[in-house]
Amino acid sequence: MQENKLYTLLTYAGAVPFVLCALLPFAGIDEWQNVGSFEYIARLYGLAIVSFVAGSHWGTYLYNREASPANLFLTSNAVVLAAWFAFLFTIPVLTQFVLLLAFLYLLFVDYNLHKAGLITPYYFRMRFTVTLIVGVSIAVMIFHLA
């Protein structure tokens, strides 16, 4: 991937809902009108973003399967299914924890893609920074739920 201001802006903007969902309950705002609690919104949004990032790994795998450090078709499906099953069958705090693990795992995959030369150092640094922001936000939500 080449350095691109649009994908950089969109990637960082994608972290904003996590930050808001983590901080607004501390300001006494627990839900968004008819949508639901910010914790619930964060879980749904987290599922969407985990699915999106895992899907981007599919594209990387299709582009250069031979250089890929793993079968990203299988690993991306496994991480998305784990997140969805956690959402459907566990308590909210456990779902948040699974989402945190999913984001960390996806970053680990990106690290391996970076080492294999399939993503640029710029893209990996950006993913690391955004994952840090999202991870801290999810950790705050877990702390608030506990």
Protein backbone atom coordinates (compact mmCIF):
# COMPACT_ATOMS: atom_id res chain seq x y z
CA MET A 1 0.00 0.00 0.00
CA GLN A 2 1.25 3.44 -0.82
CA GLU A 3 1.02 6.29 1.66
CA ASN A 4 -2.40 7.82 1.12
CA LYS A 5 -3.97 10.59 3.14
CA LEU A 6 -7.51 9.31 2.57
CA TYR A 7 -6.98 5.79 3.94
CA THR A 8 -4.95 7.26 6.81
CA LEU A 9 -7.77 9.67 7.66
CA LEU A 10 -10.40 6.95 7.39
CA THR A 11 -8.38 4.54 9.53
CA TYR A 12 -7.94 7.04 12.35
CA ALA A 13 -11.56 8.18 12.04
CA GLY A 14 -12.56 4.54 12.45
CA ALA A 15 -11.10 4.60 15.97
CA VAL A 16 -13.22 7.58 17.06
CA PRO A 17 -16.40 5.56 17.84
CA PHE A 18 -14.38 3.31 20.17
CA VAL A 19 -12.98 6.32 22.01
CA LEU A 20 -16.42 7.93 22.33
CA CYS A 21 -18.05 4.69 23.49
CA ALA A 22 -15.32 4.31 26.13
CA LEU A 23 -15.43 7.87 27.44
CA LEU A 24 -19.08 8.98 27.25
CA PRO A 25 -20.25 6.66 30.06
CA PHE A 26 -17.75 8.39 32.37
CA ALA A 27 -19.52 11.65 31.53
CA GLY A 28 -22.83 10.12 32.64
CA ILE A 29 -24.05 9.44 29.10
CA ASP A 30 -24.74 5.71 28.93
CA GLU A 31 -26.76 5.31 25.75
CA TRP A 32 -27.64 6.87 22.46
CA GLN A 33 -31.38 7.47 22.31
CA ASN A 34 -33.12 4.53 20.62
CA VAL A 35 -29.93 2.79 19.49
CA GLY A 36 -28.73 1.37 22.82
CA SER A 37 -25.92 1.57 25.32
CA PHE A 38 -22.51 2.71 24.16
CA GLU A 39 -21.11 -0.61 25.32
CA TYR A 40 -23.56 -2.41 22.99
CA ILE A 41 -22.78 -0.01 20.15
CA ALA A 42 -19.05 -0.62 20.68
CA ARG A 43 -19.54 -4.39 20.51
CA LEU A 44 -21.48 -4.14 17.25
CA TYR A 45 -19.04 -1.66 15.77
CA GLY A 46 -16.13 -3.82 16.93
CA LEU A 47 -17.60 -6.80 15.11
CA ALA A 48 -17.90 -4.76 11.94
CA ILE A 49 -14.32 -3.50 12.16
CA VAL A 50 -12.88 -6.93 13.00
CA SER A 51 -14.73 -8.28 9.95
CA PHE A 52 -13.42 -5.44 7.79
CA VAL A 53 -9.77 -5.84 8.84
CA ALA A 54 -9.99 -9.63 8.46
CA GLY A 55 -11.48 -9.05 5.00
CA SER A 56 -8.54 -6.86 4.06
CA HIS A 57 -6.32 -9.83 4.85
CA TRP A 58 -8.28 -11.83 2.27
CA GLY A 59 -7.31 -9.25 -0.34
CA THR A 60 -3.66 -9.45 0.68
CA TYR A 61 -3.78 -13.23 0.47
CA LEU A 62 -5.42 -13.15 -2.96
CA TYR A 63 -2.84 -10.67 -4.18
CA ASN A 64 0.20 -12.68 -3.13
CA ARG A 65 -0.66 -16.07 -1.69
CA GLU A 66 2.85 -17.48 -2.07
CA ALA A 67 4.50 -14.77 0.06
CA SER A 68 1.82 -14.82 2.73
CA PRO A 69 3.02 -16.16 6.09
CA ALA A 70 -0.27 -18.04 6.70
CA ASN A 71 -3.50 -19.10 5.04
CA LEU A 72 -5.34 -15.83 5.63
CA PHE A 73 -8.60 -17.28 4.30
CA LEU A 74 -8.74 -19.62 7.27
CA THR A 75 -7.27 -17.36 9.95
CA SER A 76 -9.44 -14.38 9.06
CA ASN A 77 -12.58 -16.52 9.14
CA ALA A 78 -11.59 -18.01 12.50
CA VAL A 79 -11.07 -14.64 14.17
CA VAL A 80 -14.35 -13.23 12.82
CA LEU A 81 -16.30 -16.31 13.88
CA ALA A 82 -14.78 -16.20 17.37
CA ALA A 83 -15.84 -12.56 17.73
CA TRP A 84 -19.36 -13.25 16.47
CA PHE A 85 -19.83 -16.31 18.68
CA ALA A 86 -18.63 -14.32 21.68
CA PHE A 87 -21.17 -11.61 20.85
CA LEU A 88 -24.01 -14.09 20.43
CA PHE A 89 -23.32 -16.46 23.30
CA THR A 90 -21.41 -14.68 26.06
CA ILE A 91 -21.74 -11.75 28.43
CA PRO A 92 -20.77 -8.25 27.22
CA VAL A 93 -17.49 -8.04 29.14
CA LEU A 94 -16.31 -11.33 27.62
CA THR A 95 -17.28 -10.14 24.14
CA GLN A 96 -15.22 -7.00 24.68
CA PHE A 97 -12.29 -9.14 25.79
CA VAL A 98 -12.59 -11.36 22.70
CA LEU A 99 -12.72 -8.24 20.50
CA LEU A 100 -9.57 -6.96 22.18
CA LEU A 101 -7.84 -10.28 21.49
CA ALA A 102 -9.11 -10.22 17.90
CA PHE A 103 -7.66 -6.76 17.27
CA LEU A 104 -4.34 -7.80 18.78
CA TYR A 105 -4.29 -10.97 16.67
CA LEU A 106 -5.08 -9.00 13.50
CA LEU A 107 -2.21 -6.65 14.33
CA PHE A 108 0.04 -9.69 14.76
CA VAL A 109 -1.02 -10.85 11.28
CA ASP A 110 -0.19 -7.40 9.92
CA TYR A 111 3.20 -7.58 11.63
CA ASN A 112 3.88 -10.85 9.81
CA LEU A 113 2.65 -9.35 6.55
CA HIS A 114 5.00 -6.42 7.12
CA LYS A 115 7.92 -8.79 7.77
CA ALA A 116 7.05 -10.63 4.54
CA GLY A 117 7.09 -7.33 2.63
CA LEU A 118 3.39 -7.45 1.80
CA ILE A 119 2.48 -4.21 3.58
CA THR A 120 4.54 -1.05 3.93
CA PRO A 121 6.22 0.13 7.13
CA TYR A 122 3.98 3.22 7.02
CA TYR A 123 0.82 1.11 6.89
CA PHE A 124 2.00 -1.14 9.70
CA ARG A 125 2.88 1.86 11.94
CA MET A 126 -0.56 3.31 11.28
CA ARG A 127 -2.25 -0.01 12.09
CA PHE A 128 -0.17 -0.31 15.27
CA THR A 129 -1.17 3.19 16.42
CA VAL A 130 -4.86 2.71 15.66
CA THR A 131 -4.87 -0.72 17.32
CA LEU A 132 -3.32 0.87 20.40
CA ILE A 133 -6.08 3.52 20.49
CA VAL A 134 -8.81 0.91 19.97
CA GLY A 135 -7.23 -1.50 22.46
CA VAL A 136 -7.04 1.13 25.19
CA SER A 137 -10.64 2.13 24.48
CA ILE A 138 -11.83 -1.47 24.76
CA ALA A 139 -9.80 -1.95 27.94
CA VAL A 140 -11.52 1.12 29.42
CA MET A 141 -14.91 -0.37 28.51
CA ILE A 142 -13.95 -3.69 30.10
CA PHE A 143 -12.87 -1.84 33.25
CA HIS A 144 -16.14 0.10 33.28
CA LEU A 145 -18.19 -3.10 32.86
CA ALA A 146 -16.35 -4.98 35.61
